[in-house]
Amino acid sequence: VREFYFGHQDSYRLIVNLDYGSPLVPAKQSLRSEPADFQRGEVEL
């Protein structure tokens, strides 16, 4: 129990990113709101 989050993960995760700063597809023409993460998404108009 004490070491659970080292090598294990609870089932309440929705994985969005396997790395930070990943390129967007299609690429944005403008700067990103969040250059490291992508949990909320990005919007460009």
ModelCIF file with pLDDT and N, C-alpha, C, O atoms, coordinates in Angstrom:
data_MODEL
#
_entry.id   MODEL 
#
_entity.id                         1 
_entity.type                       polymer 
_entity.pdbx_number_of_molecules   1 
#
_entity_poly.entity_id                      1 
_entity_poly.type                           'polypeptide(L)' 
_entity_poly.nstd_linkage                   no 
_entity_poly.nstd_monomer                   no 
_entity_poly.pdbx_seq_one_letter_code       VREFYFGHQDSYRLIVNLDYGSPLVPAKQSLRSEPADFQRGEVEL 
_entity_poly.pdbx_seq_one_letter_code_can   VREFYFGHQDSYRLIVNLDYGSPLVPAKQSLRSEPADFQRGEVEL 
_entity_poly.pdbx_strand_id                 A 
#
loop_
_entity_poly_seq.entity_id 
_entity_poly_seq.num 
_entity_poly_seq.mon_id 
_entity_poly_seq.hetero 
1 1  VAL n 
1 2  ARG n 
1 3  GLU n 
1 4  PHE n 
1 5  TYR n 
1 6  PHE n 
1 7  GLY n 
1 8  HIS n 
1 9  GLN n 
1 10 ASP n 
1 11 SER n 
1 12 TYR n 
1 13 ARG n 
1 14 LEU n 
1 15 ILE n 
1 16 VAL n 
1 17 ASN n 
1 18 LEU n 
1 19 ASP n 
1 20 TYR n 
1 21 GLY n 
1 22 SER n 
1 23 PRO n 
1 24 LEU n 
1 25 VAL n 
1 26 PRO n 
1 27 ALA n 
1 28 LYS n 
1 29 GLN n 
1 30 SER n 
1 31 LEU n 
1 32 ARG n 
1 33 SER n 
1 34 GLU n 
1 35 PRO n 
1 36 ALA n 
1 37 ASP n 
1 38 PHE n 
1 39 GLN n 
1 40 ARG n 
1 41 GLY n 
1 42 GLU n 
1 43 VAL n 
1 44 GLU n 
1 45 LEU n 
#
_struct_asym.id          A 
_struct_asym.entity_id   1 
#
loop_
_ma_qa_metric.id 
_ma_qa_metric.mode 
_ma_qa_metric.name 
_ma_qa_metric.software_group_id 
_ma_qa_metric.type 
1 global pLDDT . pLDDT 
2 local  pLDDT . pLDDT 
#
_ma_qa_metric_global.metric_id      1 
_ma_qa_metric_global.metric_value   87.04 
_ma_qa_metric_global.model_id       1 
_ma_qa_metric_global.ordinal_id     1 
#
loop_
_ma_qa_metric_local.label_asym_id 
_ma_qa_metric_local.label_comp_id 
_ma_qa_metric_local.label_seq_id 
_ma_qa_metric_local.metric_id 
_ma_qa_metric_local.metric_value 
_ma_qa_metric_local.model_id 
_ma_qa_metric_local.ordinal_id 
A VAL 1  2 93.00 1 1  
A ARG 2  2 93.00 1 2  
A GLU 3  2 93.00 1 3  
A PHE 4  2 95.00 1 4  
A TYR 5  2 95.00 1 5  
A PHE 6  2 96.00 1 6  
A GLY 7  2 94.00 1 7  
A HIS 8  2 94.00 1 8  
A GLN 9  2 91.00 1 9  
A ASP 10 2 89.00 1 10 
A SER 11 2 88.00 1 11 
A TYR 12 2 88.00 1 12 
A ARG 13 2 89.00 1 13 
A LEU 14 2 87.00 1 14 
A ILE 15 2 87.00 1 15 
A VAL 16 2 86.00 1 16 
A ASN 17 2 83.00 1 17 
A LEU 18 2 83.00 1 18 
A ASP 19 2 81.00 1 19 
A TYR 20 2 78.00 1 20 
A GLY 21 2 77.00 1 21 
A SER 22 2 81.00 1 22 
A PRO 23 2 83.00 1 23 
A LEU 24 2 85.00 1 24 
A VAL 25 2 85.00 1 25 
A PRO 26 2 88.00 1 26 
A ALA 27 2 88.00 1 27 
A LYS 28 2 88.00 1 28 
A GLN 29 2 91.00 1 29 
A SER 30 2 90.00 1 30 
A LEU 31 2 88.00 1 31 
A ARG 32 2 87.00 1 32 
A SER 33 2 87.00 1 33 
A GLU 34 2 85.00 1 34 
A PRO 35 2 82.00 1 35 
A ALA 36 2 81.00 1 36 
A ASP 37 2 81.00 1 37 
A PHE 38 2 79.00 1 38 
A GLN 39 2 82.00 1 39 
A ARG 40 2 81.00 1 40 
A GLY 41 2 84.00 1 41 
A GLU 42 2 88.00 1 42 
A VAL 43 2 90.00 1 43 
A GLU 44 2 91.00 1 44 
A LEU 45 2 92.00 1 45 
#
loop_
_atom_site.group_PDB 
_atom_site.id 
_atom_site.type_symbol 
_atom_site.label_atom_id 
_atom_site.label_alt_id 
_atom_site.label_comp_id 
_atom_site.label_asym_id 
_atom_site.label_entity_id 
_atom_site.label_seq_id 
_atom_site.pdbx_PDB_ins_code 
_atom_site.Cartn_x 
_atom_site.Cartn_y 
_atom_site.Cartn_z 
_atom_site.occupancy 
_atom_site.B_iso_or_equiv 
_atom_site.pdbx_formal_charge 
_atom_site.auth_seq_id 
_atom_site.auth_comp_id 
_atom_site.auth_asym_id 
_atom_site.auth_atom_id 
_atom_site.pdbx_PDB_model_num 
ATOM 1   N N  . VAL A 1 1  ? 0.841  -1.195 0.000   1.00 93.00 ? 1  VAL A N  1 
ATOM 2   C CA . VAL A 1 1  ? 0.000  0.000  0.000   1.00 93.00 ? 1  VAL A CA 1 
ATOM 3   C C  . VAL A 1 1  ? 0.879  1.249  0.000   1.00 93.00 ? 1  VAL A C  1 
ATOM 4   O O  . VAL A 1 1  ? 0.646  2.168  -0.786  1.00 93.00 ? 1  VAL A O  1 
ATOM 5   N N  . ARG A 1 2  ? 1.874  1.292  0.861   1.00 93.00 ? 2  ARG A N  1 
ATOM 6   C CA . ARG A 1 2  ? 2.761  2.447  0.992   1.00 93.00 ? 2  ARG A CA 1 
ATOM 7   C C  . ARG A 1 2  ? 3.456  2.774  -0.337  1.00 93.00 ? 2  ARG A C  1 
ATOM 8   O O  . ARG A 1 2  ? 3.612  3.944  -0.685  1.00 93.00 ? 2  ARG A O  1 
ATOM 9   N N  . GLU A 1 3  ? 3.867  1.746  -1.069  1.00 93.00 ? 3  GLU A N  1 
ATOM 10  C CA . GLU A 1 3  ? 4.632  1.922  -2.307  1.00 93.00 ? 3  GLU A CA 1 
ATOM 11  C C  . GLU A 1 3  ? 3.774  1.814  -3.574  1.00 93.00 ? 3  GLU A C  1 
ATOM 12  O O  . GLU A 1 3  ? 4.315  1.711  -4.675  1.00 93.00 ? 3  GLU A O  1 
ATOM 13  N N  . PHE A 1 4  ? 2.455  1.836  -3.431  1.00 95.00 ? 4  PHE A N  1 
ATOM 14  C CA . PHE A 1 4  ? 1.584  1.558  -4.573  1.00 95.00 ? 4  PHE A CA 1 
ATOM 15  C C  . PHE A 1 4  ? 1.882  2.438  -5.781  1.00 95.00 ? 4  PHE A C  1 
ATOM 16  O O  . PHE A 1 4  ? 1.962  1.926  -6.898  1.00 95.00 ? 4  PHE A O  1 
ATOM 17  N N  . TYR A 1 5  ? 2.048  3.736  -5.593  1.00 95.00 ? 5  TYR A N  1 
ATOM 18  C CA . TYR A 1 5  ? 2.210  4.647  -6.730  1.00 95.00 ? 5  TYR A CA 1 
ATOM 19  C C  . TYR A 1 5  ? 3.625  4.646  -7.305  1.00 95.00 ? 5  TYR A C  1 
ATOM 20  O O  . TYR A 1 5  ? 3.941  5.452  -8.180  1.00 95.00 ? 5  TYR A O  1 
ATOM 21  N N  . PHE A 1 6  ? 4.457  3.762  -6.827  1.00 96.00 ? 6  PHE A N  1 
ATOM 22  C CA . PHE A 1 6  ? 5.766  3.520  -7.431  1.00 96.00 ? 6  PHE A CA 1 
ATOM 23  C C  . PHE A 1 6  ? 5.678  2.180  -8.154  1.00 96.00 ? 6  PHE A C  1 
ATOM 24  O O  . PHE A 1 6  ? 5.781  1.127  -7.525  1.00 96.00 ? 6  PHE A O  1 
ATOM 25  N N  . GLY A 1 7  ? 5.490  2.213  -9.459  1.00 94.00 ? 7  GLY A N  1 
ATOM 26  C CA . GLY A 1 7  ? 5.393  0.993  -10.258 1.00 94.00 ? 7  GLY A CA 1 
ATOM 27  C C  . GLY A 1 7  ? 3.974  0.529  -10.505 1.00 94.00 ? 7  GLY A C  1 
ATOM 28  O O  . GLY A 1 7  ? 3.761  -0.440 -11.234 1.00 94.00 ? 7  GLY A O  1 
ATOM 29  N N  . HIS A 1 8  ? 3.000  1.199  -9.916  1.00 94.00 ? 8  HIS A N  1 
ATOM 30  C CA . HIS A 1 8  ? 1.593  0.856  -10.115 1.00 94.00 ? 8  HIS A CA 1 
ATOM 31  C C  . HIS A 1 8  ? 0.813  2.143  -10.360 1.00 94.00 ? 8  HIS A C  1 
ATOM 32  O O  . HIS A 1 8  ? 1.300  3.248  -10.123 1.00 94.00 ? 8  HIS A O  1 
ATOM 33  N N  . GLN A 1 9  ? -0.406 1.962  -10.838 1.00 91.00 ? 9  GLN A N  1 
ATOM 34  C CA . GLN A 1 9  ? -1.240 3.120  -11.116 1.00 91.00 ? 9  GLN A CA 1 
ATOM 35  C C  . GLN A 1 9  ? -2.692 2.735  -10.881 1.00 91.00 ? 9  GLN A C  1 
ATOM 36  O O  . GLN A 1 9  ? -3.120 1.635  -11.229 1.00 91.00 ? 9  GLN A O  1 
ATOM 37  N N  . ASP A 1 10 ? -3.436 3.643  -10.292 1.00 89.00 ? 10 ASP A N  1 
ATOM 38  C CA . ASP A 1 10 ? -4.856 3.360  -10.094 1.00 89.00 ? 10 ASP A CA 1 
ATOM 39  C C  . ASP A 1 10 ? -5.572 3.353  -11.446 1.00 89.00 ? 10 ASP A C  1 
ATOM 40  O O  . ASP A 1 10 ? -5.027 3.813  -12.449 1.00 89.00 ? 10 ASP A O  1 
ATOM 41  N N  . SER A 1 11 ? -6.771 2.836  -11.460 1.00 88.00 ? 11 SER A N  1 
ATOM 42  C CA . SER A 1 11 ? -7.513 2.712  -12.720 1.00 88.00 ? 11 SER A CA 1 
ATOM 43  C C  . SER A 1 11 ? -8.240 3.992  -13.107 1.00 88.00 ? 11 SER A C  1 
ATOM 44  O O  . SER A 1 11 ? -8.897 4.030  -14.147 1.00 88.00 ? 11 SER A O  1 
ATOM 45  N N  . TYR A 1 12 ? -8.142 5.022  -12.308 1.00 88.00 ? 12 TYR A N  1 
ATOM 46  C CA . TYR A 1 12 ? -8.846 6.272  -12.590 1.00 88.00 ? 12 TYR A CA 1 
ATOM 47  C C  . TYR A 1 12 ? -7.964 7.267  -13.336 1.00 88.00 ? 12 TYR A C  1 
ATOM 48  O O  . TYR A 1 12 ? -7.816 8.411  -12.908 1.00 88.00 ? 12 TYR A O  1 
ATOM 49  N N  . ARG A 1 13 ? -7.386 6.839  -14.438 1.00 89.00 ? 13 ARG A N  1 
ATOM 50  C CA . ARG A 1 13 ? -6.530 7.714  -15.247 1.00 89.00 ? 13 ARG A CA 1 
ATOM 51  C C  . ARG A 1 13 ? -7.007 7.696  -16.692 1.00 89.00 ? 13 ARG A C  1 
ATOM 52  O O  . ARG A 1 13 ? -7.299 6.641  -17.256 1.00 89.00 ? 13 ARG A O  1 
ATOM 53  N N  . LEU A 1 14 ? -7.079 8.869  -17.267 1.00 87.00 ? 14 LEU A N  1 
ATOM 54  C CA . LEU A 1 14 ? -7.289 9.011  -18.697 1.00 87.00 ? 14 LEU A CA 1 
ATOM 55  C C  . LEU A 1 14 ? -5.993 9.599  -19.232 1.00 87.00 ? 14 LEU A C  1 
ATOM 56  O O  . LEU A 1 14 ? -5.707 10.776 -19.013 1.00 87.00 ? 14 LEU A O  1 
ATOM 57  N N  . ILE A 1 15 ? -5.217 8.799  -19.922 1.00 87.00 ? 15 ILE A N  1 
ATOM 58  C CA . ILE A 1 15 ? -3.905 9.226  -20.415 1.00 87.00 ? 15 ILE A CA 1 
ATOM 59  C C  . ILE A 1 15 ? -4.095 10.036 -21.696 1.00 87.00 ? 15 ILE A C  1 
ATOM 60  O O  . ILE A 1 15 ? -4.725 9.572  -22.647 1.00 87.00 ? 15 ILE A O  1 
ATOM 61  N N  . VAL A 1 16 ? -3.548 11.242 -21.711 1.00 86.00 ? 16 VAL A N  1 
ATOM 62  C CA . VAL A 1 16 ? -3.621 12.117 -22.874 1.00 86.00 ? 16 VAL A CA 1 
ATOM 63  C C  . VAL A 1 16 ? -2.244 12.270 -23.525 1.00 86.00 ? 16 VAL A C  1 
ATOM 64  O O  . VAL A 1 16 ? -2.147 12.344 -24.750 1.00 86.00 ? 16 VAL A O  1 
ATOM 65  N N  . ASN A 1 17 ? -1.188 12.318 -22.726 1.00 83.00 ? 17 ASN A N  1 
ATOM 66  C CA . ASN A 1 17 ? 0.166  12.589 -23.231 1.00 83.00 ? 17 ASN A CA 1 
ATOM 67  C C  . ASN A 1 17 ? 1.157  11.534 -22.773 1.00 83.00 ? 17 ASN A C  1 
ATOM 68  O O  . ASN A 1 17 ? 1.125  11.089 -21.626 1.00 83.00 ? 17 ASN A O  1 
ATOM 69  N N  . LEU A 1 18 ? 2.028  11.145 -23.675 1.00 83.00 ? 18 LEU A N  1 
ATOM 70  C CA . LEU A 1 18 ? 3.144  10.272 -23.326 1.00 83.00 ? 18 LEU A CA 1 
ATOM 71  C C  . LEU A 1 18 ? 4.454  11.044 -23.290 1.00 83.00 ? 18 LEU A C  1 
ATOM 72  O O  . LEU A 1 18 ? 5.523  10.457 -23.125 1.00 83.00 ? 18 LEU A O  1 
ATOM 73  N N  . ASP A 1 19 ? 4.371  12.337 -23.442 1.00 81.00 ? 19 ASP A N  1 
ATOM 74  C CA . ASP A 1 19 ? 5.560  13.186 -23.386 1.00 81.00 ? 19 ASP A CA 1 
ATOM 75  C C  . ASP A 1 19 ? 5.066  14.624 -23.268 1.00 81.00 ? 19 ASP A C  1 
ATOM 76  O O  . ASP A 1 19 ? 3.877  14.882 -23.454 1.00 81.00 ? 19 ASP A O  1 
ATOM 77  N N  . TYR A 1 20 ? 5.944  15.545 -22.968 1.00 78.00 ? 20 TYR A N  1 
ATOM 78  C CA . TYR A 1 20 ? 5.552  16.951 -22.931 1.00 78.00 ? 20 TYR A CA 1 
ATOM 79  C C  . TYR A 1 20 ? 6.072  17.647 -24.174 1.00 78.00 ? 20 TYR A C  1 
ATOM 80  O O  . TYR A 1 20 ? 7.072  17.239 -24.766 1.00 78.00 ? 20 TYR A O  1 
ATOM 81  N N  . GLY A 1 21 ? 5.377  18.700 -24.555 1.00 77.00 ? 21 GLY A N  1 
ATOM 82  C CA . GLY A 1 21 ? 5.782  19.473 -25.730 1.00 77.00 ? 21 GLY A CA 1 
ATOM 83  C C  . GLY A 1 21 ? 5.616  18.734 -27.037 1.00 77.00 ? 21 GLY A C  1 
ATOM 84  O O  . GLY A 1 21 ? 6.275  19.079 -28.017 1.00 77.00 ? 21 GLY A O  1 
ATOM 85  N N  . SER A 1 22 ? 4.759  17.728 -27.087 1.00 81.00 ? 22 SER A N  1 
ATOM 86  C CA . SER A 1 22 ? 4.560  16.961 -28.321 1.00 81.00 ? 22 SER A CA 1 
ATOM 87  C C  . SER A 1 22 ? 3.960  17.854 -29.402 1.00 81.00 ? 22 SER A C  1 
ATOM 88  O O  . SER A 1 22 ? 3.186  18.765 -29.109 1.00 81.00 ? 22 SER A O  1 
ATOM 89  N N  . PRO A 1 23 ? 4.321  17.586 -30.645 1.00 83.00 ? 23 PRO A N  1 
ATOM 90  C CA . PRO A 1 23 ? 3.772  18.404 -31.733 1.00 83.00 ? 23 PRO A CA 1 
ATOM 91  C C  . PRO A 1 23 ? 2.267  18.160 -31.899 1.00 83.00 ? 23 PRO A C  1 
ATOM 92  O O  . PRO A 1 23 ? 1.774  17.057 -31.663 1.00 83.00 ? 23 PRO A O  1 
ATOM 93  N N  . LEU A 1 24 ? 1.567  19.186 -32.299 1.00 85.00 ? 24 LEU A N  1 
ATOM 94  C CA . LEU A 1 24 ? 0.139  19.076 -32.570 1.00 85.00 ? 24 LEU A CA 1 
ATOM 95  C C  . LEU A 1 24 ? -0.065 18.718 -34.038 1.00 85.00 ? 24 LEU A C  1 
ATOM 96  O O  . LEU A 1 24 ? 0.675  19.181 -34.907 1.00 85.00 ? 24 LEU A O  1 
ATOM 97  N N  . VAL A 1 25 ? -1.066 17.898 -34.307 1.00 85.00 ? 25 VAL A N  1 
ATOM 98  C CA . VAL A 1 25 ? -1.384 17.507 -35.675 1.00 85.00 ? 25 VAL A CA 1 
ATOM 99  C C  . VAL A 1 25 ? -2.854 17.781 -35.900 1.00 85.00 ? 25 VAL A C  1 
ATOM 100 O O  . VAL A 1 25 ? -3.690 17.148 -35.254 1.00 85.00 ? 25 VAL A O  1 
ATOM 101 N N  . PRO A 1 26 ? -3.206 18.692 -36.784 1.00 88.00 ? 26 PRO A N  1 
ATOM 102 C CA . PRO A 1 26 ? -2.307 19.517 -37.580 1.00 88.00 ? 26 PRO A CA 1 
ATOM 103 C C  . PRO A 1 26 ? -1.602 20.559 -36.714 1.00 88.00 ? 26 PRO A C  1 
ATOM 104 O O  . PRO A 1 26 ? -2.091 20.927 -35.646 1.00 88.00 ? 26 PRO A O  1 
ATOM 105 N N  . ALA A 1 27 ? -0.465 21.021 -37.181 1.00 88.00 ? 27 ALA A N  1 
ATOM 106 C CA . ALA A 1 27 ? 0.323  22.002 -36.431 1.00 88.00 ? 27 ALA A CA 1 
ATOM 107 C C  . ALA A 1 27 ? -0.432 23.326 -36.330 1.00 88.00 ? 27 ALA A C  1 
ATOM 108 O O  . ALA A 1 27 ? -1.129 23.730 -37.261 1.00 88.00 ? 27 ALA A O  1 
ATOM 109 N N  . LYS A 1 28 ? -0.282 23.992 -35.187 1.00 88.00 ? 28 LYS A N  1 
ATOM 110 C CA . LYS A 1 28 ? -0.873 25.327 -35.024 1.00 88.00 ? 28 LYS A CA 1 
ATOM 111 C C  . LYS A 1 28 ? -0.021 26.339 -35.777 1.00 88.00 ? 28 LYS A C  1 
ATOM 112 O O  . LYS A 1 28 ? 1.193  26.179 -35.901 1.00 88.00 ? 28 LYS A O  1 
ATOM 113 N N  . GLN A 1 29 ? -0.670 27.371 -36.273 1.00 91.00 ? 29 GLN A N  1 
ATOM 114 C CA . GLN A 1 29 ? 0.037  28.459 -36.939 1.00 91.00 ? 29 GLN A CA 1 
ATOM 115 C C  . GLN A 1 29 ? 0.516  29.491 -35.920 1.00 91.00 ? 29 GLN A C  1 
ATOM 116 O O  . GLN A 1 29 ? 1.461  30.236 -36.181 1.00 91.00 ? 29 GLN A O  1 
ATOM 117 N N  . SER A 1 30 ? -0.139 29.531 -34.758 1.00 90.00 ? 30 SER A N  1 
ATOM 118 C CA . SER A 1 30 ? 0.197  30.504 -33.720 1.00 90.00 ? 30 SER A CA 1 
ATOM 119 C C  . SER A 1 30 ? 0.869  29.787 -32.552 1.00 90.00 ? 30 SER A C  1 
ATOM 120 O O  . SER A 1 30 ? 0.977  28.560 -32.542 1.00 90.00 ? 30 SER A O  1 
ATOM 121 N N  . LEU A 1 31 ? 1.316  30.563 -31.576 1.00 88.00 ? 31 LEU A N  1 
ATOM 122 C CA . LEU A 1 31 ? 1.911  29.981 -30.380 1.00 88.00 ? 31 LEU A CA 1 
ATOM 123 C C  . LEU A 1 31 ? 0.875  29.171 -29.614 1.00 88.00 ? 31 LEU A C  1 
ATOM 124 O O  . LEU A 1 31 ? -0.315 29.483 -29.649 1.00 88.00 ? 31 LEU A O  1 
ATOM 125 N N  . ARG A 1 32 ? 1.325  28.145 -28.933 1.00 87.00 ? 32 ARG A N  1 
ATOM 126 C CA . ARG A 1 32 ? 0.431  27.339 -28.112 1.00 87.00 ? 32 ARG A CA 1 
ATOM 127 C C  . ARG A 1 32 ? 0.137  28.066 -26.799 1.00 87.00 ? 32 ARG A C  1 
ATOM 128 O O  . ARG A 1 32 ? 0.966  28.826 -26.299 1.00 87.00 ? 32 ARG A O  1 
ATOM 129 N N  . SER A 1 33 ? -1.043 27.824 -26.256 1.00 87.00 ? 33 SER A N  1 
ATOM 130 C CA . SER A 1 33 ? -1.365 28.344 -24.925 1.00 87.00 ? 33 SER A CA 1 
ATOM 131 C C  . SER A 1 33 ? -0.550 27.612 -23.881 1.00 87.00 ? 33 SER A C  1 
ATOM 132 O O  . SER A 1 33 ? -0.081 28.220 -22.920 1.00 87.00 ? 33 SER A O  1 
ATOM 133 N N  . GLU A 1 34 ? -0.376 26.325 -24.057 1.00 85.00 ? 34 GLU A N  1 
ATOM 134 C CA . GLU A 1 34 ? 0.354  25.492 -23.103 1.00 85.00 ? 34 GLU A CA 1 
ATOM 135 C C  . GLU A 1 34 ? 1.401  24.680 -23.864 1.00 85.00 ? 34 GLU A C  1 
ATOM 136 O O  . GLU A 1 34 ? 1.075  23.637 -24.431 1.00 85.00 ? 34 GLU A O  1 
ATOM 137 N N  . PRO A 1 35 ? 2.648  25.140 -23.886 1.00 82.00 ? 35 PRO A N  1 
ATOM 138 C CA . PRO A 1 35 ? 3.673  24.452 -24.664 1.00 82.00 ? 35 PRO A CA 1 
ATOM 139 C C  . PRO A 1 35 ? 4.102  23.104 -24.097 1.00 82.00 ? 35 PRO A C  1 
ATOM 140 O O  . PRO A 1 35 ? 4.657  22.284 -24.828 1.00 82.00 ? 35 PRO A O  1 
ATOM 141 N N  . ALA A 1 36 ? 3.857  22.853 -22.808 1.00 81.00 ? 36 ALA A N  1 
ATOM 142 C CA . ALA A 1 36 ? 4.309  21.598 -22.207 1.00 81.00 ? 36 ALA A CA 1 
ATOM 143 C C  . ALA A 1 36 ? 3.247  20.519 -22.261 1.00 81.00 ? 36 ALA A C  1 
ATOM 144 O O  . ALA A 1 36 ? 3.565  19.355 -22.502 1.00 81.00 ? 36 ALA A O  1 
ATOM 145 N N  . ASP A 1 37 ? 2.022  20.873 -22.046 1.00 81.00 ? 37 ASP A N  1 
ATOM 146 C CA . ASP A 1 37 ? 0.968  19.883 -21.850 1.00 81.00 ? 37 ASP A CA 1 
ATOM 147 C C  . ASP A 1 37 ? -0.165 20.084 -22.846 1.00 81.00 ? 37 ASP A C  1 
ATOM 148 O O  . ASP A 1 37 ? -0.184 21.065 -23.589 1.00 81.00 ? 37 ASP A O  1 
ATOM 149 N N  . PHE A 1 38 ? -1.104 19.151 -22.854 1.00 79.00 ? 38 PHE A N  1 
ATOM 150 C CA . PHE A 1 38 ? -2.185 19.212 -23.832 1.00 79.00 ? 38 PHE A CA 1 
ATOM 151 C C  . PHE A 1 38 ? -3.481 18.638 -23.244 1.00 79.00 ? 38 PHE A C  1 
ATOM 152 O O  . PHE A 1 38 ? -4.288 18.076 -23.984 1.00 79.00 ? 38 PHE A O  1 
ATOM 153 N N  . GLN A 1 39 ? -3.692 18.766 -21.952 1.00 82.00 ? 39 GLN A N  1 
ATOM 154 C CA . GLN A 1 39 ? -4.856 18.141 -21.327 1.00 82.00 ? 39 GLN A CA 1 
ATOM 155 C C  . GLN A 1 39 ? -6.167 18.827 -21.702 1.00 82.00 ? 39 GLN A C  1 
ATOM 156 O O  . GLN A 1 39 ? -7.174 18.153 -21.918 1.00 82.00 ? 39 GLN A O  1 
ATOM 157 N N  . ARG A 1 40 ? -6.168 20.134 -21.780 1.00 81.00 ? 40 ARG A N  1 
ATOM 158 C CA . ARG A 1 40 ? -7.388 20.884 -22.099 1.00 81.00 ? 40 ARG A CA 1 
ATOM 159 C C  . ARG A 1 40 ? -7.586 21.048 -23.585 1.00 81.00 ? 40 ARG A C  1 
ATOM 160 O O  . ARG A 1 40 ? -8.687 21.370 -24.033 1.00 81.00 ? 40 ARG A O  1 
ATOM 161 N N  . GLY A 1 41 ? -6.545 20.835 -24.351 1.00 84.00 ? 41 GLY A N  1 
ATOM 162 C CA . GLY A 1 41 ? -6.611 21.081 -25.786 1.00 84.00 ? 41 GLY A CA 1 
ATOM 163 C C  . GLY A 1 41 ? -6.110 22.473 -26.126 1.00 84.00 ? 41 GLY A C  1 
ATOM 164 O O  . GLY A 1 41 ? -5.732 23.250 -25.249 1.00 84.00 ? 41 GLY A O  1 
ATOM 165 N N  . GLU A 1 42 ? -6.115 22.764 -27.388 1.00 88.00 ? 42 GLU A N  1 
ATOM 166 C CA . GLU A 1 42 ? -5.683 24.054 -27.913 1.00 88.00 ? 42 GLU A CA 1 
ATOM 167 C C  . GLU A 1 42 ? -6.705 24.496 -28.952 1.00 88.00 ? 42 GLU A C  1 
ATOM 168 O O  . GLU A 1 42 ? -7.250 23.667 -29.681 1.00 88.00 ? 42 GLU A O  1 
ATOM 169 N N  . VAL A 1 43 ? -6.963 25.783 -29.021 1.00 90.00 ? 43 VAL A N  1 
ATOM 170 C CA . VAL A 1 43 ? -7.903 26.309 -29.996 1.00 90.00 ? 43 VAL A CA 1 
ATOM 171 C C  . VAL A 1 43 ? -7.235 27.450 -30.750 1.00 90.00 ? 43 VAL A C  1 
ATOM 172 O O  . VAL A 1 43 ? -6.592 28.320 -30.163 1.00 90.00 ? 43 VAL A O  1 
ATOM 173 N N  . GLU A 1 44 ? -7.406 27.419 -32.062 1.00 91.00 ? 44 GLU A N  1 
ATOM 174 C CA . GLU A 1 44 ? -6.857 28.463 -32.924 1.00 91.00 ? 44 GLU A CA 1 
ATOM 175 C C  . GLU A 1 44 ? -7.955 28.872 -33.896 1.00 91.00 ? 44 GLU A C  1 
ATOM 176 O O  . GLU A 1 44 ? -8.677 28.021 -34.416 1.00 91.00 ? 44 GLU A O  1 
ATOM 177 N N  . LEU A 1 45 ? -8.081 30.159 -34.139 1.00 92.00 ? 45 LEU A N  1 
ATOM 178 C CA . LEU A 1 45 ? -9.085 30.660 -35.064 1.00 92.00 ? 45 LEU A CA 1 
ATOM 179 C C  . LEU A 1 45 ? -8.422 31.652 -36.003 1.00 92.00 ? 45 LEU A C  1 
ATOM 180 O O  . LEU A 1 45 ? -9.084 32.209 -36.879 1.00 92.00 ? 45 LEU A O  1 
#
